[in-house]
Amino acid sequence: MSAIQFFIGALGVFFRRNLPVVLAPMELILNAVNLSFLAFSRDATGRRVVVFVVMALAAPRWGSDARFPLYCFATATRSRSST
């Protein structure tokens, strides 16, 4: 499924000319990579990477409010064990 989605996104990037139209297929490619991370991860690392990539992609849309979800992600994934 993710390979098909990646291929469709790659076709969209190669055959489009202007930048705003190319950004949508690029997001489709990144979603395919996220789907692969979720499918092939054996532990929670794949889910963490997916959450980070989704937040990093959504950050320009949120503007200055992007700091809050990134802070929540950083505090949620921080190691809680003490040495």
N, C-alpha and C. Protein backbone atom coordinates (compact mmCIF):
# COMPACT_ATOMS: atom_id res chain seq x y z
N MET A 1 0.83 -1.19 0.00
CA MET A 1 0.00 0.00 0.00
C MET A 1 0.87 1.26 0.00
N SER A 2 1.90 1.26 0.85
CA SER A 2 2.74 2.45 0.91
C SER A 2 3.58 2.60 -0.36
N ALA A 3 3.95 1.49 -1.01
CA ALA A 3 4.71 1.58 -2.26
C ALA A 3 3.86 2.19 -3.37
N ILE A 4 2.59 1.82 -3.41
CA ILE A 4 1.69 2.41 -4.41
C ILE A 4 1.51 3.90 -4.15
N GLN A 5 1.32 4.25 -2.89
CA GLN A 5 1.15 5.66 -2.53
C GLN A 5 2.42 6.45 -2.85
N PHE A 6 3.58 5.86 -2.57
CA PHE A 6 4.85 6.52 -2.87
C PHE A 6 5.01 6.71 -4.37
N PHE A 7 4.66 5.71 -5.17
CA PHE A 7 4.78 5.80 -6.61
C PHE A 7 3.86 6.88 -7.19
N ILE A 8 2.65 6.96 -6.69
CA ILE A 8 1.71 8.00 -7.15
C ILE A 8 2.25 9.39 -6.80
N GLY A 9 2.80 9.53 -5.60
CA GLY A 9 3.39 10.81 -5.21
C GLY A 9 4.60 11.16 -6.04
N ALA A 10 5.44 10.16 -6.36
CA ALA A 10 6.62 10.42 -7.19
C ALA A 10 6.21 10.85 -8.60
N LEU A 11 5.18 10.23 -9.14
CA LEU A 11 4.68 10.66 -10.45
C LEU A 11 4.18 12.10 -10.41
N GLY A 12 3.50 12.45 -9.33
CA GLY A 12 3.02 13.82 -9.19
C GLY A 12 4.14 14.83 -9.10
N VAL A 13 5.24 14.46 -8.42
CA VAL A 13 6.38 15.38 -8.32
C VAL A 13 7.07 15.53 -9.66
N PHE A 14 7.23 14.43 -10.40
CA PHE A 14 7.97 14.49 -11.65
C PHE A 14 7.21 15.18 -12.77
N PHE A 15 5.88 15.11 -12.77
CA PHE A 15 5.12 15.64 -13.88
C PHE A 15 4.50 17.01 -13.62
N ARG A 16 4.65 17.57 -12.45
CA ARG A 16 4.13 18.91 -12.17
C ARG A 16 5.24 19.93 -12.33
N ARG A 17 4.86 21.16 -12.62
CA ARG A 17 5.85 22.19 -12.89
C ARG A 17 5.94 23.26 -11.79
N ASN A 18 4.82 23.70 -11.25
CA ASN A 18 4.88 24.80 -10.29
C ASN A 18 4.94 24.27 -8.85
N LEU A 19 5.57 25.02 -8.00
CA LEU A 19 5.87 24.58 -6.64
C LEU A 19 4.65 24.30 -5.78
N PRO A 20 3.62 25.14 -5.76
CA PRO A 20 2.48 24.81 -4.89
C PRO A 20 1.79 23.50 -5.25
N VAL A 21 1.79 23.14 -6.51
CA VAL A 21 1.17 21.89 -6.92
C VAL A 21 2.08 20.70 -6.60
N VAL A 22 3.38 20.91 -6.56
CA VAL A 22 4.34 19.84 -6.25
C VAL A 22 4.32 19.50 -4.76
N LEU A 23 3.94 20.43 -3.92
CA LEU A 23 3.97 20.19 -2.48
C LEU A 23 2.96 19.13 -2.03
N ALA A 24 1.84 19.02 -2.69
CA ALA A 24 0.84 18.02 -2.32
C ALA A 24 1.35 16.60 -2.59
N PRO A 25 1.93 16.30 -3.76
CA PRO A 25 2.50 14.95 -3.93
C PRO A 25 3.68 14.66 -3.00
N MET A 26 4.43 15.69 -2.63
CA MET A 26 5.53 15.47 -1.68
C MET A 26 4.98 15.05 -0.32
N GLU A 27 3.86 15.63 0.07
CA GLU A 27 3.23 15.23 1.32
C GLU A 27 2.70 13.79 1.22
N LEU A 28 2.24 13.42 0.04
CA LEU A 28 1.80 12.05 -0.19
C LEU A 28 2.96 11.07 -0.05
N ILE A 29 4.13 11.46 -0.54
CA ILE A 29 5.33 10.62 -0.39
C ILE A 29 5.69 10.47 1.08
N LEU A 30 5.66 11.55 1.83
CA LEU A 30 6.00 11.47 3.25
C LEU A 30 4.98 10.65 4.02
N ASN A 31 3.72 10.71 3.62
CA ASN A 31 2.71 9.86 4.26
C ASN A 31 2.97 8.39 3.96
N ALA A 32 3.45 8.08 2.77
CA ALA A 32 3.79 6.69 2.43
C ALA A 32 4.96 6.20 3.27
N VAL A 33 5.94 7.07 3.48
CA VAL A 33 7.07 6.70 4.33
C VAL A 33 6.61 6.48 5.77
N ASN A 34 5.72 7.33 6.25
CA ASN A 34 5.17 7.14 7.59
C ASN A 34 4.42 5.83 7.72
N LEU A 35 3.68 5.47 6.68
CA LEU A 35 2.96 4.20 6.69
C LEU A 35 3.94 3.02 6.76
N SER A 36 5.06 3.14 6.05
CA SER A 36 6.08 2.09 6.11
C SER A 36 6.70 2.02 7.50
N PHE A 37 6.96 3.16 8.12
CA PHE A 37 7.49 3.16 9.48
C PHE A 37 6.54 2.44 10.42
N LEU A 38 5.26 2.70 10.31
CA LEU A 38 4.30 2.05 11.18
C LEU A 38 4.20 0.55 10.91
N ALA A 39 4.28 0.17 9.65
CA ALA A 39 4.11 -1.24 9.30
C ALA A 39 5.30 -2.08 9.71
N PHE A 40 6.50 -1.54 9.60
CA PHE A 40 7.70 -2.35 9.83
C PHE A 40 8.39 -2.09 11.15
N SER A 41 7.85 -1.25 12.00
CA SER A 41 8.50 -1.01 13.30
C SER A 41 8.10 -2.11 14.27
N ARG A 42 9.06 -2.56 15.03
CA ARG A 42 8.80 -3.63 15.99
C ARG A 42 8.55 -3.09 17.40
N ASP A 43 8.88 -1.84 17.61
CA ASP A 43 8.65 -1.23 18.92
C ASP A 43 8.03 0.15 18.72
N ALA A 44 8.06 0.95 19.75
CA ALA A 44 7.41 2.26 19.69
C ALA A 44 8.22 3.30 18.93
N THR A 45 9.42 2.97 18.49
CA THR A 45 10.25 3.95 17.80
C THR A 45 9.62 4.41 16.50
N GLY A 46 9.03 3.50 15.75
CA GLY A 46 8.37 3.88 14.49
C GLY A 46 7.22 4.83 14.72
N ARG A 47 6.46 4.59 15.78
CA ARG A 47 5.34 5.49 16.08
C ARG A 47 5.84 6.86 16.49
N ARG A 48 6.95 6.90 17.22
CA ARG A 48 7.52 8.19 17.62
C ARG A 48 8.00 8.98 16.41
N VAL A 49 8.64 8.29 15.47
CA VAL A 49 9.13 8.97 14.27
C VAL A 49 7.95 9.51 13.47
N VAL A 50 6.89 8.73 13.36
CA VAL A 50 5.71 9.17 12.61
C VAL A 50 5.10 10.41 13.25
N VAL A 51 4.96 10.40 14.57
CA VAL A 51 4.39 11.57 15.25
C VAL A 51 5.27 12.79 15.05
N PHE A 52 6.58 12.61 15.12
CA PHE A 52 7.48 13.73 14.93
C PHE A 52 7.39 14.28 13.51
N VAL A 53 7.33 13.40 12.50
CA VAL A 53 7.26 13.86 11.11
C VAL A 53 5.95 14.58 10.86
N VAL A 54 4.85 14.06 11.39
CA VAL A 54 3.55 14.72 11.19
C VAL A 54 3.55 16.10 11.85
N MET A 55 4.11 16.20 13.04
CA MET A 55 4.18 17.51 13.71
C MET A 55 5.10 18.46 12.98
N ALA A 56 6.20 17.96 12.46
CA ALA A 56 7.12 18.83 11.72
C ALA A 56 6.49 19.32 10.42
N LEU A 57 5.68 18.49 9.78
CA LEU A 57 5.01 18.92 8.56
C LEU A 57 3.89 19.91 8.85
N ALA A 58 3.23 19.75 9.97
CA ALA A 58 2.12 20.63 10.30
C ALA A 58 2.58 21.93 10.94
N ALA A 59 3.83 22.01 11.36
CA ALA A 59 4.32 23.20 12.07
C ALA A 59 4.20 24.48 11.25
N PRO A 60 4.54 24.51 9.96
CA PRO A 60 4.37 25.77 9.22
C PRO A 60 2.91 26.20 9.11
N ARG A 61 1.99 25.26 9.15
CA ARG A 61 0.58 25.62 9.08
C ARG A 61 0.10 26.24 10.38
N TRP A 62 0.68 25.78 11.49
CA TRP A 62 0.24 26.28 12.79
C TRP A 62 0.89 27.62 13.14
N GLY A 63 1.96 27.98 12.50
CA GLY A 63 2.64 29.23 12.80
C GLY A 63 3.37 29.15 14.13
N SER A 64 3.17 30.13 14.96
CA SER A 64 3.90 30.18 16.22
C SER A 64 3.38 29.18 17.25
N ASP A 65 2.21 28.60 17.01
CA ASP A 65 1.67 27.63 17.95
C ASP A 65 2.30 26.26 17.80
N ALA A 66 3.27 26.10 16.92
CA ALA A 66 3.90 24.80 16.69
C ALA A 66 4.78 24.39 17.86
N ARG A 67 5.16 25.34 18.70
CA ARG A 67 6.05 24.98 19.82
C ARG A 67 5.35 24.10 20.83
N PHE A 68 4.07 24.27 21.05
CA PHE A 68 3.38 23.51 22.08
C PHE A 68 3.31 22.01 21.77
N PRO A 69 2.84 21.58 20.58
CA PRO A 69 2.83 20.13 20.34
C PRO A 69 4.22 19.52 20.27
N LEU A 70 5.22 20.27 19.78
CA LEU A 70 6.58 19.74 19.78
C LEU A 70 7.10 19.59 21.21
N TYR A 71 6.76 20.52 22.08
CA TYR A 71 7.14 20.40 23.48
C TYR A 71 6.45 19.19 24.12
N CYS A 72 5.17 18.98 23.81
CA CYS A 72 4.45 17.82 24.35
C CYS A 72 5.07 16.52 23.86
N PHE A 73 5.47 16.49 22.59
CA PHE A 73 6.11 15.30 22.06
C PHE A 73 7.44 15.04 22.74
N ALA A 74 8.22 16.09 22.94
CA ALA A 74 9.53 15.93 23.56
C ALA A 74 9.41 15.45 25.00
N THR A 75 8.46 15.99 25.74
CA THR A 75 8.31 15.55 27.12
C THR A 75 7.70 14.15 27.22
N ALA A 76 6.87 13.77 26.28
CA ALA A 76 6.25 12.44 26.32
C ALA A 76 7.25 11.34 25.97
N THR A 77 8.21 11.65 25.11
CA THR A 77 9.17 10.63 24.68
C THR A 77 10.45 10.64 25.51
N ARG A 78 10.57 11.54 26.44
CA ARG A 78 11.77 11.60 27.26
C ARG A 78 11.85 10.37 28.15
N SER A 79 13.03 9.90 28.34
CA SER A 79 13.24 8.71 29.16
C SER A 79 12.90 9.04 30.62
N ARG A 80 12.13 8.21 31.25
CA ARG A 80 11.71 8.46 32.62
C ARG A 80 12.54 7.66 33.63
N SER A 81 13.46 6.84 33.16
CA SER A 81 14.26 6.05 34.11
C SER A 81 15.43 6.88 34.63
N SER A 82 15.77 6.63 35.86
CA SER A 82 16.90 7.34 36.47
C SER A 82 18.03 6.35 36.68
N THR A 83 19.25 6.87 36.65
CA THR A 83 20.42 6.00 36.81
C THR A 83 20.95 5.97 38.20
